[in-house]
Amino acid sequence: MSTRLLGQDLQIPEGLDLDEFVKNCCGVVYSAGADTTAAALRNFTLAMMVYPDVQRKAQEELDHVVGRDRLPTFDDRARLSYTSKIMKESLRWKAVSPLGVPHATLDEDEYHGASIPSGTTVLANIICPGRFFAEDSLFLTIASMLHIFSIAPPEGASAEDILRGVKWSSGLVSHPTTFPLKLTPRFEGAPSIVHAAQSTI
């Protein structure tokens, strides 16, 4: 997408450096992906507090497929079907971007015999060009979180009360408001697995 933006006849605003313009174009595209991923992960952690039985079932699958001596990888995905379904259900449960972004036609156009005047507001099919990358990175993050941590409400709080208190923002990306949670390593060697993974970056 960035390549397409940059491949068009560029009209760089007066006084703006080409390198700065390129950084800004690319930054907009990539930050949109980071924002939606962050919102999806917050929804996921909330769902795991509300549905602890689902969390436990995924953790059993992860223990069986991955073991307890490493983090999940992309190679494990085909055998982690329940964990994959949790990722997809998290996206369905609380849609991060419920509507497409309205666009406007620049010129008169025709689509399947229908005339579309210039300046018409249109909502295009909302298939994201970065969908596969986003799903892969979201899967890996969700699988790693479930493998390493138990996600629960803080002591003395109930998941249902927390869920009732959460509100979702409106706009291009819907974020849940901040909520409390408790992350606990699931097994004794969990922190060392994370440290080992960090050292390879």
C-alpha atoms as a PDB file:
ATOM      1  CA  MET A   1       0.000   0.000   0.000  1.00  0.00           C
ATOM      2  CA  SER A   2       2.831   2.401   0.858  1.00  0.00           C
ATOM      3  CA  THR A   3       4.494   1.563  -2.452  1.00  0.00           C
ATOM      4  CA  ARG A   4       1.283   2.398  -4.306  1.00  0.00           C
ATOM      5  CA  LEU A   5       0.930   5.700  -2.475  1.00  0.00           C
ATOM      6  CA  LEU A   6       4.510   6.622  -3.249  1.00  0.00           C
ATOM      7  CA  GLY A   7       4.304   5.422  -6.864  1.00  0.00           C
ATOM      8  CA  GLN A   8       1.716   8.027  -7.813  1.00  0.00           C
ATOM      9  CA  ASP A   9       2.591  11.474  -9.118  1.00  0.00           C
ATOM     10  CA  LEU A  10       3.639  13.074  -5.869  1.00  0.00           C
ATOM     11  CA  GLN A  11       2.854  16.672  -5.145  1.00  0.00           C
ATOM     12  CA  ILE A  12       4.944  17.350  -2.092  1.00  0.00           C
ATOM     13  CA  PRO A  13       3.754  20.319  -0.039  1.00  0.00           C
ATOM     14  CA  GLU A  14       5.965  23.402  -0.206  1.00  0.00           C
ATOM     15  CA  GLY A  15       8.836  23.248   2.283  1.00  0.00           C
ATOM     16  CA  LEU A  16       8.428  19.523   3.065  1.00  0.00           C
ATOM     17  CA  ASP A  17      11.456  17.322   2.431  1.00  0.00           C
ATOM     18  CA  LEU A  18      10.939  14.215   0.224  1.00  0.00           C
ATOM     19  CA  ASP A  19      12.350  11.898   2.918  1.00  0.00           C
ATOM     20  CA  GLU A  20       9.979  13.392   5.490  1.00  0.00           C
ATOM     21  CA  PHE A  21       7.050  13.012   3.082  1.00  0.00           C
ATOM     22  CA  VAL A  22       7.907   9.343   2.437  1.00  0.00           C
ATOM     23  CA  LYS A  23       8.202   8.664   6.195  1.00  0.00           C
ATOM     24  CA  ASN A  24       4.813  10.271   6.801  1.00  0.00           C
ATOM     25  CA  CYS A  25       3.106   8.251   4.045  1.00  0.00           C
ATOM     26  CA  CYS A  26       4.549   4.973   5.280  1.00  0.00           C
ATOM     27  CA  GLY A  27       3.937   5.827   8.924  1.00  0.00           C
ATOM     28  CA  VAL A  28       0.214   6.354   8.376  1.00  0.00           C
ATOM     29  CA  VAL A  29      -0.159   2.930   6.761  1.00  0.00           C
ATOM     30  CA  TYR A  30       1.822   1.042   9.399  1.00  0.00           C
ATOM     31  CA  SER A  31       0.436   2.889  12.423  1.00  0.00           C
ATOM     32  CA  ALA A  32      -3.092   1.954  11.351  1.00  0.00           C
ATOM     33  CA  GLY A  33      -2.100  -1.707  11.638  1.00  0.00           C
ATOM     34  CA  ALA A  34      -0.472  -1.210  15.028  1.00  0.00           C
ATOM     35  CA  ASP A  35      -3.522   0.613  16.388  1.00  0.00           C
ATOM     36  CA  THR A  36      -5.986  -2.082  15.330  1.00  0.00           C
ATOM     37  CA  THR A  37      -3.714  -4.838  16.666  1.00  0.00           C
ATOM     38  CA  ALA A  38      -3.422  -3.115  20.051  1.00  0.00           C
ATOM     39  CA  ALA A  39      -7.212  -2.734  20.283  1.00  0.00           C
ATOM     40  CA  ALA A  40      -7.728  -6.389  19.302  1.00  0.00           C
ATOM     41  CA  LEU A  41      -5.270  -7.540  21.995  1.00  0.00           C
ATOM     42  CA  ARG A  42      -7.062  -5.514  24.665  1.00  0.00           C
ATOM     43  CA  ASN A  43     -10.371  -7.085  23.607  1.00  0.00           C
ATOM     44  CA  PHE A  44      -8.731 -10.522  23.710  1.00  0.00           C
ATOM     45  CA  THR A  45      -7.418 -10.078  27.272  1.00  0.00           C
ATOM     46  CA  LEU A  46     -10.847  -8.892  28.390  1.00  0.00           C
ATOM     47  CA  ALA A  47     -12.485 -11.941  26.783  1.00  0.00           C
ATOM     48  CA  MET A  48     -10.046 -14.306  28.496  1.00  0.00           C
ATOM     49  CA  MET A  49     -10.987 -12.838  31.888  1.00  0.00           C
ATOM     50  CA  VAL A  50     -14.685 -13.262  31.111  1.00  0.00           C
ATOM     51  CA  TYR A  51     -14.303 -16.790  29.671  1.00  0.00           C
ATOM     52  CA  PRO A  52     -11.642 -18.568  31.781  1.00  0.00           C
ATOM     53  CA  ASP A  53     -12.776 -22.018  30.592  1.00  0.00           C
ATOM     54  CA  VAL A  54     -11.918 -21.018  27.005  1.00  0.00           C
ATOM     55  CA  GLN A  55      -8.524 -19.787  28.210  1.00  0.00           C
ATOM     56  CA  ARG A  56      -7.797 -23.089  30.002  1.00  0.00           C
ATOM     57  CA  LYS A  57      -8.750 -25.166  26.944  1.00  0.00           C
ATOM     58  CA  ALA A  58      -6.371 -23.139  24.758  1.00  0.00           C
ATOM     59  CA  GLN A  59      -3.600 -23.507  27.332  1.00  0.00           C
ATOM     60  CA  GLU A  60      -4.069 -27.288  27.345  1.00  0.00           C
ATOM     61  CA  GLU A  61      -3.738 -27.263  23.548  1.00  0.00           C
ATOM     62  CA  LEU A  62      -0.589 -25.117  23.772  1.00  0.00           C
ATOM     63  CA  ASP A  63       0.975 -27.400  26.398  1.00  0.00           C
ATOM     64  CA  HIS A  64       0.256 -30.439  24.210  1.00  0.00           C
ATOM     65  CA  VAL A  65       1.556 -28.931  20.942  1.00  0.00           C
ATOM     66  CA  VAL A  66       4.306 -26.552  22.096  1.00  0.00           C
ATOM     67  CA  GLY A  67       5.398 -28.007  25.431  1.00  0.00           C
ATOM     68  CA  ARG A  68       6.809 -25.816  28.161  1.00  0.00           C
ATOM     69  CA  ASP A  69      10.318 -25.161  26.914  1.00  0.00           C
ATOM     70  CA  ARG A  70       9.699 -22.599  24.137  1.00  0.00           C
ATOM     71  CA  LEU A  71       7.256 -20.053  22.752  1.00  0.00           C
ATOM     72  CA  PRO A  72       4.772 -20.922  19.984  1.00  0.00           C
ATOM     73  CA  THR A  73       5.911 -20.271  16.400  1.00  0.00           C
ATOM     74  CA  PHE A  74       4.201 -19.887  13.030  1.00  0.00           C
ATOM     75  CA  ASP A  75       5.055 -23.534  12.361  1.00  0.00           C
ATOM     76  CA  ASP A  76       2.749 -24.526  15.244  1.00  0.00           C
ATOM     77  CA  ARG A  77      -0.284 -22.664  13.906  1.00  0.00           C
ATOM     78  CA  ALA A  78      -1.745 -25.542  11.877  1.00  0.00           C
ATOM     79  CA  ARG A  79      -1.842 -27.684  15.037  1.00  0.00           C
ATOM     80  CA  LEU A  80      -3.214 -24.906  17.263  1.00  0.00           C
ATOM     81  CA  SER A  81      -6.716 -24.805  15.805  1.00  0.00           C
ATOM     82  CA  TYR A  82      -8.471 -23.872  19.068  1.00  0.00           C
ATOM     83  CA  THR A  83      -6.060 -20.999  19.671  1.00  0.00           C
ATOM     84  CA  SER A  84      -6.618 -19.819  16.072  1.00  0.00           C
ATOM     85  CA  LYS A  85     -10.359 -19.853  16.664  1.00  0.00           C
ATOM     86  CA  ILE A  86      -9.924 -17.732  19.801  1.00  0.00           C
ATOM     87  CA  MET A  87      -8.065 -15.132  17.744  1.00  0.00           C
ATOM     88  CA  LYS A  88     -10.856 -15.020  15.155  1.00  0.00           C
ATOM     89  CA  GLU A  89     -13.581 -14.962  17.809  1.00  0.00           C
ATOM     90  CA  SER A  90     -11.828 -12.076  19.588  1.00  0.00           C
ATOM     91  CA  LEU A  91     -12.052 -10.087  16.352  1.00  0.00           C
ATOM     92  CA  ARG A  92     -15.738 -10.979  15.947  1.00  0.00           C
ATOM     93  CA  TRP A  93     -16.699 -10.511  19.626  1.00  0.00           C
ATOM     94  CA  LYS A  94     -15.792  -6.827  19.693  1.00  0.00           C
ATOM     95  CA  ALA A  95     -15.098  -5.571  16.182  1.00  0.00           C
ATOM     96  CA  VAL A  96     -12.085  -3.269  16.172  1.00  0.00           C
ATOM     97  CA  SER A  97     -13.072  -1.488  12.981  1.00  0.00           C
ATOM     98  CA  PRO A  98     -16.786  -2.097  12.490  1.00  0.00           C
ATOM     99  CA  LEU A  99     -17.241  -0.027   9.326  1.00  0.00           C
ATOM    100  CA  GLY A 100     -15.165   0.770   6.301  1.00  0.00           C
ATOM    101  CA  VAL A 101     -13.753   4.250   5.851  1.00  0.00           C
ATOM    102  CA  PRO A 102     -15.947   6.378   3.563  1.00  0.00           C
ATOM    103  CA  HIS A 103     -14.291   7.446   0.320  1.00  0.00           C
ATOM    104  CA  ALA A 104     -15.348   9.892  -2.392  1.00  0.00           C
ATOM    105  CA  THR A 105     -15.021   9.441  -6.129  1.00  0.00           C
ATOM    106  CA  LEU A 106     -12.639  11.916  -7.772  1.00  0.00           C
ATOM    107  CA  ASP A 107     -14.158  11.543 -11.231  1.00  0.00           C
ATOM    108  CA  GLU A 108     -17.424  10.260 -12.642  1.00  0.00           C
ATOM    109  CA  ASP A 109     -17.277   6.470 -12.821  1.00  0.00           C
ATOM    110  CA  GLU A 110     -19.382   3.504 -13.841  1.00  0.00           C
ATOM    111  CA  TYR A 111     -19.753   0.260 -11.927  1.00  0.00           C
ATOM    112  CA  HIS A 112     -21.753  -2.660 -13.364  1.00  0.00           C
ATOM    113  CA  GLY A 113     -23.726  -0.274 -15.541  1.00  0.00           C
ATOM    114  CA  ALA A 114     -24.511   2.186 -12.733  1.00  0.00           C
ATOM    115  CA  SER A 115     -23.269   5.753 -13.087  1.00  0.00           C
ATOM    116  CA  ILE A 116     -21.434   7.153 -10.053  1.00  0.00           C
ATOM    117  CA  PRO A 117     -21.090  10.969 -10.160  1.00  0.00           C
ATOM    118  CA  SER A 118     -17.858  12.693  -9.149  1.00  0.00           C
ATOM    119  CA  GLY A 119     -17.777  13.482  -5.424  1.00  0.00           C
ATOM    120  CA  THR A 120     -20.109  10.612  -4.453  1.00  0.00           C
ATOM    121  CA  THR A 121     -19.442   9.108  -1.026  1.00  0.00           C
ATOM    122  CA  VAL A 122     -18.848   5.369  -1.305  1.00  0.00           C
ATOM    123  CA  LEU A 123     -18.138   2.616   1.205  1.00  0.00           C
ATOM    124  CA  ALA A 124     -15.844   0.071  -0.376  1.00  0.00           C
ATOM    125  CA  ASN A 125     -15.495  -3.591   0.506  1.00  0.00           C
ATOM    126  CA  ILE A 126     -13.659  -3.527   3.852  1.00  0.00           C
ATOM    127  CA  ILE A 127     -10.998  -6.121   3.128  1.00  0.00           C
ATOM    128  CA  CYS A 128      -7.772  -4.873   4.679  1.00  0.00           C
ATOM    129  CA  PRO A 129      -4.674  -5.156   2.468  1.00  0.00           C
ATOM    130  CA  GLY A 130      -2.590  -5.986   5.559  1.00  0.00           C
ATOM    131  CA  ARG A 131      -5.051  -8.605   6.802  1.00  0.00           C
ATOM    132  CA  PHE A 132      -2.789 -11.644   6.532  1.00  0.00           C
ATOM    133  CA  PHE A 133       0.164  -9.962   8.218  1.00  0.00           C
ATOM    134  CA  ALA A 134      -2.145  -8.636  10.946  1.00  0.00           C
ATOM    135  CA  GLU A 135      -3.712 -12.048  11.565  1.00  0.00           C
ATOM    136  CA  ASP A 136      -0.300 -13.736  11.699  1.00  0.00           C
ATOM    137  CA  SER A 137       1.124 -11.263  14.196  1.00  0.00           C
ATOM    138  CA  LEU A 138      -2.082 -11.274  16.257  1.00  0.00           C
ATOM    139  CA  PHE A 139      -2.125 -15.081  16.331  1.00  0.00           C
ATOM    140  CA  LEU A 140       1.490 -15.272  17.478  1.00  0.00           C
ATOM    141  CA  THR A 141       0.953 -12.676  20.211  1.00  0.00           C
ATOM    142  CA  ILE A 142      -2.256 -14.314  21.471  1.00  0.00           C
ATOM    143  CA  ALA A 143      -0.703 -17.791  21.427  1.00  0.00           C
ATOM    144  CA  SER A 144       2.373 -16.526  23.303  1.00  0.00           C
ATOM    145  CA  MET A 145       0.292 -14.681  25.910  1.00  0.00           C
ATOM    146  CA  LEU A 146      -1.905 -17.724  26.521  1.00  0.00           C
ATOM    147  CA  HIS A 147       1.136 -19.985  26.701  1.00  0.00           C
ATOM    148  CA  ILE A 148       3.065 -17.882  29.220  1.00  0.00           C
ATOM    149  CA  PHE A 149       0.366 -16.197  31.318  1.00  0.00           C
ATOM    150  CA  SER A 150      -2.894 -16.844  33.085  1.00  0.00           C
ATOM    151  CA  ILE A 151      -5.130 -13.840  32.503  1.00  0.00           C
ATOM    152  CA  ALA A 152      -7.516 -13.089  35.361  1.00  0.00           C
ATOM    153  CA  PRO A 153      -9.276 -10.256  37.158  1.00  0.00           C
ATOM    154  CA  PRO A 154      -7.334  -8.722  40.052  1.00  0.00           C
ATOM    155  CA  GLU A 155      -7.960 -10.159  43.523  1.00  0.00           C
ATOM    156  CA  GLY A 156     -11.416  -9.235  44.774  1.00  0.00           C
ATOM    157  CA  ALA A 157     -12.744  -8.176  41.349  1.00  0.00           C
ATOM    158  CA  SER A 158     -15.129 -10.075  39.108  1.00  0.00           C
ATOM    159  CA  ALA A 159     -14.740 -10.321  35.348  1.00  0.00           C
ATOM    160  CA  GLU A 160     -18.433  -9.567  34.874  1.00  0.00           C
ATOM    161  CA  ASP A 161     -18.165  -6.320  36.873  1.00  0.00           C
ATOM    162  CA  ILE A 162     -15.066  -5.320  34.898  1.00  0.00           C
ATOM    163  CA  LEU A 163     -16.841  -6.041  31.597  1.00  0.00           C
ATOM    164  CA  ARG A 164     -19.864  -3.963  32.663  1.00  0.00           C
ATOM    165  CA  GLY A 165     -17.555  -1.018  33.359  1.00  0.00           C
ATOM    166  CA  VAL A 166     -15.759  -1.117  30.005  1.00  0.00           C
ATOM    167  CA  LYS A 167     -16.856   1.276  27.270  1.00  0.00           C
ATOM    168  CA  TRP A 168     -15.651   1.225  23.673  1.00  0.00           C
ATOM    169  CA  SER A 169     -14.532   4.329  21.842  1.00  0.00           C
ATOM    170  CA  SER A 170     -16.089   5.290  18.541  1.00  0.00           C
ATOM    171  CA  GLY A 171     -14.116   6.254  15.477  1.00  0.00           C
ATOM    172  CA  LEU A 172     -11.998   4.467  12.914  1.00  0.00           C
ATOM    173  CA  VAL A 173     -10.678   2.056  15.554  1.00  0.00           C
ATOM    174  CA  SER A 174     -12.774   1.052  18.557  1.00  0.00           C
ATOM    175  CA  HIS A 175     -10.675   0.750  21.736  1.00  0.00           C
ATOM    176  CA  PRO A 176     -11.950  -0.499  25.090  1.00  0.00           C
ATOM    177  CA  THR A 177     -11.390   1.829  28.027  1.00  0.00           C
ATOM    178  CA  THR A 178      -8.638   0.848  30.451  1.00  0.00           C
ATOM    179  CA  PHE A 179      -9.502  -2.065  32.720  1.00  0.00           C
ATOM    180  CA  PRO A 180      -7.626  -3.890  35.488  1.00  0.00           C
ATOM    181  CA  LEU A 181      -6.259  -7.394  35.008  1.00  0.00           C
ATOM    182  CA  LYS A 182      -3.799  -9.776  36.591  1.00  0.00           C
ATOM    183  CA  LEU A 183      -1.155 -11.615  34.537  1.00  0.00           C
ATOM    184  CA  THR A 184       0.478 -14.560  36.306  1.00  0.00           C
ATOM    185  CA  PRO A 185       3.187 -16.806  34.810  1.00  0.00           C
ATOM    186  CA  ARG A 186       1.573 -20.212  34.205  1.00  0.00           C
ATOM    187  CA  PHE A 187       4.575 -22.350  35.069  1.00  0.00           C
ATOM    188  CA  GLU A 188       7.952 -22.048  36.738  1.00  0.00           C
ATOM    189  CA  GLY A 189      10.058 -21.763  33.575  1.00  0.00           C
ATOM    190  CA  ALA A 190       7.801 -19.222  31.822  1.00  0.00           C
ATOM    191  CA  PRO A 191       9.912 -16.110  32.590  1.00  0.00           C
ATOM    192  CA  SER A 192      13.117 -17.784  31.364  1.00  0.00           C
ATOM    193  CA  ILE A 193      11.416 -18.710  28.060  1.00  0.00           C
ATOM    194  CA  VAL A 194      10.517 -15.045  27.542  1.00  0.00           C
ATOM    195  CA  HIS A 195      14.064 -13.910  28.429  1.00  0.00           C
ATOM    196  CA  ALA A 196      15.543 -16.476  26.026  1.00  0.00           C
ATOM    197  CA  ALA A 197      13.262 -15.246  23.228  1.00  0.00           C
ATOM    198  CA  GLN A 198      14.237 -11.614  23.931  1.00  0.00           C
ATOM    199  CA  SER A 199      17.930 -12.447  23.676  1.00  0.00           C
ATOM    200  CA  THR A 200      17.477 -13.743  20.108  1.00  0.00           C
ATOM    201  CA  ILE A 201      15.957 -10.474  18.873  1.00  0.00           C
END
